[in-house]
Amino acid sequence: MFVMESVDDLWNHIAYVMGYAPDQFPYEDFLPDDQQMNLHRAFEQLRQGVEIAYPEASFTEKRGHLNGILDRSYAAYQIGDEIAAGHLLNEFQDNIFKAE
C-alpha cells in the first residue's frame, strides 16, 4: 500500500485522488484485495498528509481547516456529487501550502 511519508508524497497523492476518485483507482496486482486503494483509504492518506505538512501544535487551526475541506469533499463523493467533490479537492490543493 502507498505510504505517506513526505510533502512530495502528499502532492503526488492529491493528484492521484483527483484523477481516480471516487471509484476508478487502479488495481495493483502486488497488493491483496483488502489493501487496494478505495475512496476511504485515499482520504485517510490525505489526512495523514495534512499531519505531515503541519505537525506543529501551532497549526491546529490550519489542520482543522484543511481536514474540514477533505470532510466536505468525501461527503460529496459519498452522495454522488463528483463535481462538488472535485472542486473541494481543488480547494484543498490550493490551500494546503497557502499562508494564512
N, C-alpha and C. Protein backbone atom coordinates (compact mmCIF):
# COMPACT_ATOMS: atom_id res chain seq x y z
N MET A 1 0.84 -1.18 0.00
CA MET A 1 0.00 0.00 0.00
C MET A 1 0.88 1.24 0.00
N PHE A 2 0.38 2.30 -0.55
CA PHE A 2 1.06 3.58 -0.59
C PHE A 2 1.29 4.08 0.83
N VAL A 3 2.47 4.62 1.07
CA VAL A 3 2.80 5.15 2.39
C VAL A 3 3.05 6.65 2.26
N MET A 4 2.41 7.43 3.10
CA MET A 4 2.56 8.87 3.11
C MET A 4 3.70 9.22 4.07
N GLU A 5 4.83 9.67 3.51
CA GLU A 5 5.99 9.98 4.35
C GLU A 5 6.50 11.40 4.21
N SER A 6 6.11 12.10 3.15
CA SER A 6 6.69 13.41 2.91
C SER A 6 5.68 14.33 2.22
N VAL A 7 6.03 15.60 2.15
CA VAL A 7 5.20 16.57 1.44
C VAL A 7 5.12 16.21 -0.04
N ASP A 8 6.21 15.71 -0.61
CA ASP A 8 6.16 15.27 -2.01
C ASP A 8 5.16 14.14 -2.20
N ASP A 9 5.11 13.22 -1.24
CA ASP A 9 4.11 12.14 -1.31
C ASP A 9 2.70 12.72 -1.29
N LEU A 10 2.51 13.75 -0.47
CA LEU A 10 1.19 14.39 -0.39
C LEU A 10 0.81 15.00 -1.73
N TRP A 11 1.72 15.73 -2.35
CA TRP A 11 1.42 16.33 -3.66
C TRP A 11 1.04 15.24 -4.67
N ASN A 12 1.81 14.18 -4.69
CA ASN A 12 1.53 13.09 -5.62
C ASN A 12 0.17 12.44 -5.33
N HIS A 13 -0.13 12.30 -4.05
CA HIS A 13 -1.38 11.64 -3.68
C HIS A 13 -2.59 12.53 -4.00
N ILE A 14 -2.45 13.83 -3.85
CA ILE A 14 -3.55 14.73 -4.23
C ILE A 14 -3.89 14.52 -5.71
N ALA A 15 -2.88 14.51 -6.56
CA ALA A 15 -3.10 14.31 -8.00
C ALA A 15 -3.72 12.94 -8.27
N TYR A 16 -3.23 11.93 -7.57
CA TYR A 16 -3.75 10.57 -7.73
C TYR A 16 -5.24 10.51 -7.39
N VAL A 17 -5.61 11.09 -6.26
CA VAL A 17 -7.00 11.07 -5.84
C VAL A 17 -7.86 11.87 -6.83
N MET A 18 -7.37 13.01 -7.25
CA MET A 18 -8.12 13.83 -8.21
C MET A 18 -8.36 13.05 -9.52
N GLY A 19 -7.40 12.25 -9.90
CA GLY A 19 -7.51 11.51 -11.14
C GLY A 19 -8.39 10.28 -11.07
N TYR A 20 -8.51 9.67 -9.89
CA TYR A 20 -9.17 8.37 -9.81
C TYR A 20 -10.41 8.30 -8.91
N ALA A 21 -10.62 9.29 -8.08
CA ALA A 21 -11.79 9.25 -7.19
C ALA A 21 -13.06 9.42 -8.01
N PRO A 22 -14.13 8.83 -7.60
CA PRO A 22 -14.31 8.10 -6.36
C PRO A 22 -14.05 6.59 -6.47
N ASP A 23 -14.13 6.02 -7.66
CA ASP A 23 -14.06 4.56 -7.72
C ASP A 23 -13.29 4.02 -8.92
N GLN A 24 -12.35 4.81 -9.42
CA GLN A 24 -11.57 4.36 -10.57
C GLN A 24 -10.10 4.11 -10.22
N PHE A 25 -9.82 3.87 -8.95
CA PHE A 25 -8.44 3.63 -8.52
C PHE A 25 -7.92 2.37 -9.20
N PRO A 26 -6.70 2.43 -9.73
CA PRO A 26 -6.17 1.26 -10.43
C PRO A 26 -5.94 0.08 -9.49
N TYR A 27 -6.18 -1.10 -10.01
CA TYR A 27 -5.92 -2.32 -9.27
C TYR A 27 -4.42 -2.58 -9.29
N GLU A 28 -3.85 -2.77 -8.13
CA GLU A 28 -2.41 -3.05 -8.01
C GLU A 28 -2.25 -4.54 -7.74
N ASP A 29 -1.71 -5.27 -8.70
CA ASP A 29 -1.65 -6.73 -8.58
C ASP A 29 -0.70 -7.22 -7.49
N PHE A 30 0.13 -6.36 -6.97
CA PHE A 30 1.05 -6.75 -5.90
C PHE A 30 0.43 -6.58 -4.51
N LEU A 31 -0.79 -6.04 -4.44
CA LEU A 31 -1.46 -5.84 -3.16
C LEU A 31 -2.62 -6.81 -3.01
N PRO A 32 -2.83 -7.32 -1.80
CA PRO A 32 -4.02 -8.14 -1.57
C PRO A 32 -5.27 -7.27 -1.69
N ASP A 33 -6.39 -7.90 -1.91
CA ASP A 33 -7.65 -7.17 -2.11
C ASP A 33 -7.96 -6.21 -0.96
N ASP A 34 -7.66 -6.62 0.25
CA ASP A 34 -8.00 -5.77 1.40
C ASP A 34 -7.07 -4.57 1.57
N GLN A 35 -6.08 -4.42 0.68
CA GLN A 35 -5.19 -3.27 0.73
C GLN A 35 -5.27 -2.41 -0.53
N GLN A 36 -6.19 -2.75 -1.43
CA GLN A 36 -6.36 -1.95 -2.63
C GLN A 36 -6.89 -0.56 -2.26
N MET A 37 -6.51 0.42 -3.07
CA MET A 37 -6.96 1.78 -2.81
C MET A 37 -8.46 1.88 -3.05
N ASN A 38 -9.10 2.62 -2.16
CA ASN A 38 -10.50 2.96 -2.32
C ASN A 38 -10.68 4.39 -1.80
N LEU A 39 -11.88 4.91 -1.89
CA LEU A 39 -12.11 6.30 -1.51
C LEU A 39 -11.77 6.55 -0.05
N HIS A 40 -12.17 5.65 0.82
CA HIS A 40 -11.89 5.82 2.24
C HIS A 40 -10.38 5.88 2.51
N ARG A 41 -9.64 4.93 1.97
CA ARG A 41 -8.18 4.91 2.17
C ARG A 41 -7.53 6.16 1.57
N ALA A 42 -8.00 6.56 0.40
CA ALA A 42 -7.42 7.73 -0.26
C ALA A 42 -7.55 8.97 0.62
N PHE A 43 -8.71 9.15 1.23
CA PHE A 43 -8.91 10.33 2.06
C PHE A 43 -8.19 10.21 3.40
N GLU A 44 -8.08 9.00 3.92
CA GLU A 44 -7.29 8.82 5.15
C GLU A 44 -5.83 9.23 4.89
N GLN A 45 -5.33 8.88 3.75
CA GLN A 45 -3.95 9.24 3.43
C GLN A 45 -3.80 10.74 3.19
N LEU A 46 -4.80 11.38 2.62
CA LEU A 46 -4.75 12.84 2.51
C LEU A 46 -4.70 13.47 3.89
N ARG A 47 -5.47 12.94 4.82
CA ARG A 47 -5.45 13.46 6.20
C ARG A 47 -4.08 13.23 6.85
N GLN A 48 -3.47 12.09 6.58
CA GLN A 48 -2.11 11.85 7.07
C GLN A 48 -1.15 12.89 6.50
N GLY A 49 -1.35 13.23 5.24
CA GLY A 49 -0.51 14.24 4.59
C GLY A 49 -0.63 15.60 5.25
N VAL A 50 -1.83 15.95 5.71
CA VAL A 50 -2.02 17.21 6.43
C VAL A 50 -1.18 17.20 7.69
N GLU A 51 -1.16 16.07 8.39
CA GLU A 51 -0.36 15.95 9.62
C GLU A 51 1.14 16.05 9.31
N ILE A 52 1.55 15.51 8.20
CA ILE A 52 2.96 15.58 7.81
C ILE A 52 3.34 17.02 7.44
N ALA A 53 2.47 17.69 6.73
CA ALA A 53 2.76 19.06 6.30
C ALA A 53 2.73 20.05 7.46
N TYR A 54 1.87 19.80 8.43
CA TYR A 54 1.70 20.73 9.55
C TYR A 54 1.70 20.00 10.89
N PRO A 55 2.83 19.44 11.30
CA PRO A 55 2.86 18.65 12.54
C PRO A 55 2.87 19.49 13.83
N GLU A 56 3.26 20.74 13.72
CA GLU A 56 3.42 21.56 14.91
C GLU A 56 2.07 21.92 15.53
N ALA A 57 2.06 22.02 16.85
CA ALA A 57 0.84 22.35 17.59
C ALA A 57 0.29 23.72 17.16
N SER A 58 1.15 24.59 16.73
CA SER A 58 0.71 25.94 16.34
C SER A 58 -0.15 25.93 15.08
N PHE A 59 -0.21 24.80 14.38
CA PHE A 59 -1.00 24.72 13.15
C PHE A 59 -2.32 23.96 13.33
N THR A 60 -2.79 23.89 14.56
CA THR A 60 -4.04 23.17 14.83
C THR A 60 -5.19 23.73 13.99
N GLU A 61 -5.31 25.04 13.92
CA GLU A 61 -6.39 25.66 13.15
C GLU A 61 -6.25 25.37 11.65
N LYS A 62 -5.03 25.43 11.14
CA LYS A 62 -4.78 25.14 9.72
C LYS A 62 -5.17 23.69 9.41
N ARG A 63 -4.75 22.75 10.27
CA ARG A 63 -5.12 21.35 10.06
C ARG A 63 -6.64 21.18 10.08
N GLY A 64 -7.28 21.85 11.00
CA GLY A 64 -8.74 21.77 11.09
C GLY A 64 -9.42 22.28 9.83
N HIS A 65 -8.92 23.40 9.31
CA HIS A 65 -9.47 23.96 8.07
C HIS A 65 -9.30 22.99 6.91
N LEU A 66 -8.10 22.45 6.75
CA LEU A 66 -7.83 21.53 5.65
C LEU A 66 -8.62 20.24 5.78
N ASN A 67 -8.69 19.70 6.98
CA ASN A 67 -9.47 18.48 7.20
C ASN A 67 -10.96 18.72 6.99
N GLY A 68 -11.42 19.93 7.27
CA GLY A 68 -12.81 20.28 7.00
C GLY A 68 -13.12 20.23 5.51
N ILE A 69 -12.19 20.74 4.70
CA ILE A 69 -12.35 20.68 3.24
C ILE A 69 -12.40 19.22 2.80
N LEU A 70 -11.50 18.40 3.34
CA LEU A 70 -11.49 16.98 2.99
C LEU A 70 -12.78 16.30 3.41
N ASP A 71 -13.28 16.63 4.58
CA ASP A 71 -14.53 16.03 5.04
C ASP A 71 -15.68 16.36 4.09
N ARG A 72 -15.75 17.60 3.65
CA ARG A 72 -16.82 18.00 2.73
C ARG A 72 -16.67 17.32 1.38
N SER A 73 -15.43 17.19 0.91
CA SER A 73 -15.20 16.52 -0.36
C SER A 73 -15.60 15.05 -0.28
N TYR A 74 -15.17 14.39 0.77
CA TYR A 74 -15.51 12.97 0.96
C TYR A 74 -17.02 12.79 1.02
N ALA A 75 -17.69 13.65 1.77
CA ALA A 75 -19.15 13.56 1.88
C ALA A 75 -19.82 13.76 0.52
N ALA A 76 -19.30 14.68 -0.27
CA ALA A 76 -19.86 14.92 -1.61
C ALA A 76 -19.68 13.69 -2.48
N TYR A 77 -18.52 13.06 -2.41
CA TYR A 77 -18.32 11.82 -3.16
C TYR A 77 -19.31 10.75 -2.72
N GLN A 78 -19.52 10.65 -1.43
CA GLN A 78 -20.41 9.61 -0.91
C GLN A 78 -21.85 9.76 -1.39
N ILE A 79 -22.29 10.99 -1.65
CA ILE A 79 -23.66 11.18 -2.13
C ILE A 79 -23.72 11.27 -3.65
N GLY A 80 -22.57 11.07 -4.30
CA GLY A 80 -22.54 11.05 -5.76
C GLY A 80 -22.35 12.38 -6.43
N ASP A 81 -22.02 13.42 -5.68
CA ASP A 81 -21.79 14.75 -6.26
C ASP A 81 -20.31 14.91 -6.58
N GLU A 82 -19.89 14.26 -7.66
CA GLU A 82 -18.48 14.24 -8.03
C GLU A 82 -17.95 15.62 -8.42
N ILE A 83 -18.79 16.45 -8.98
CA ILE A 83 -18.34 17.79 -9.38
C ILE A 83 -17.99 18.62 -8.14
N ALA A 84 -18.90 18.65 -7.17
CA ALA A 84 -18.62 19.39 -5.93
C ALA A 84 -17.41 18.80 -5.22
N ALA A 85 -17.33 17.49 -5.18
CA ALA A 85 -16.21 16.82 -4.51
C ALA A 85 -14.90 17.20 -5.17
N GLY A 86 -14.86 17.20 -6.48
CA GLY A 86 -13.65 17.58 -7.21
C GLY A 86 -13.26 19.03 -6.97
N HIS A 87 -14.26 19.91 -6.94
CA HIS A 87 -13.98 21.32 -6.65
C HIS A 87 -13.38 21.48 -5.26
N LEU A 88 -13.89 20.71 -4.32
CA LEU A 88 -13.36 20.77 -2.96
C LEU A 88 -11.93 20.24 -2.90
N LEU A 89 -11.63 19.19 -3.67
CA LEU A 89 -10.24 18.72 -3.72
C LEU A 89 -9.33 19.79 -4.31
N ASN A 90 -9.84 20.52 -5.31
CA ASN A 90 -9.06 21.64 -5.86
C ASN A 90 -8.84 22.71 -4.80
N GLU A 91 -9.87 22.99 -4.01
CA GLU A 91 -9.75 23.96 -2.93
C GLU A 91 -8.71 23.49 -1.91
N PHE A 92 -8.75 22.21 -1.58
CA PHE A 92 -7.75 21.64 -0.66
C PHE A 92 -6.34 21.84 -1.22
N GLN A 93 -6.16 21.50 -2.48
CA GLN A 93 -4.85 21.64 -3.11
C GLN A 93 -4.40 23.10 -3.09
N ASP A 94 -5.31 24.02 -3.38
CA ASP A 94 -4.97 25.44 -3.39
C ASP A 94 -4.60 25.96 -2.01
N ASN A 95 -5.15 25.35 -0.96
CA ASN A 95 -4.94 25.83 0.40
C ASN A 95 -3.87 25.09 1.19
N ILE A 96 -3.41 23.97 0.70
CA ILE A 96 -2.51 23.15 1.51
C ILE A 96 -1.24 23.90 1.92
N PHE A 97 -0.69 24.68 1.04
CA PHE A 97 0.53 25.41 1.42
C PHE A 97 0.38 26.92 1.28
N LYS A 98 -0.84 27.37 1.37
CA LYS A 98 -1.12 28.79 1.34
C LYS A 98 -0.97 29.34 2.75
N ALA A 99 -0.22 30.40 2.87
CA ALA A 99 -0.03 31.03 4.19
C ALA A 99 -1.34 31.68 4.62
N GLU A 100 -1.62 31.56 5.88
CA GLU A 100 -2.85 32.20 6.41
C GLU A 100 -2.50 33.26 7.40
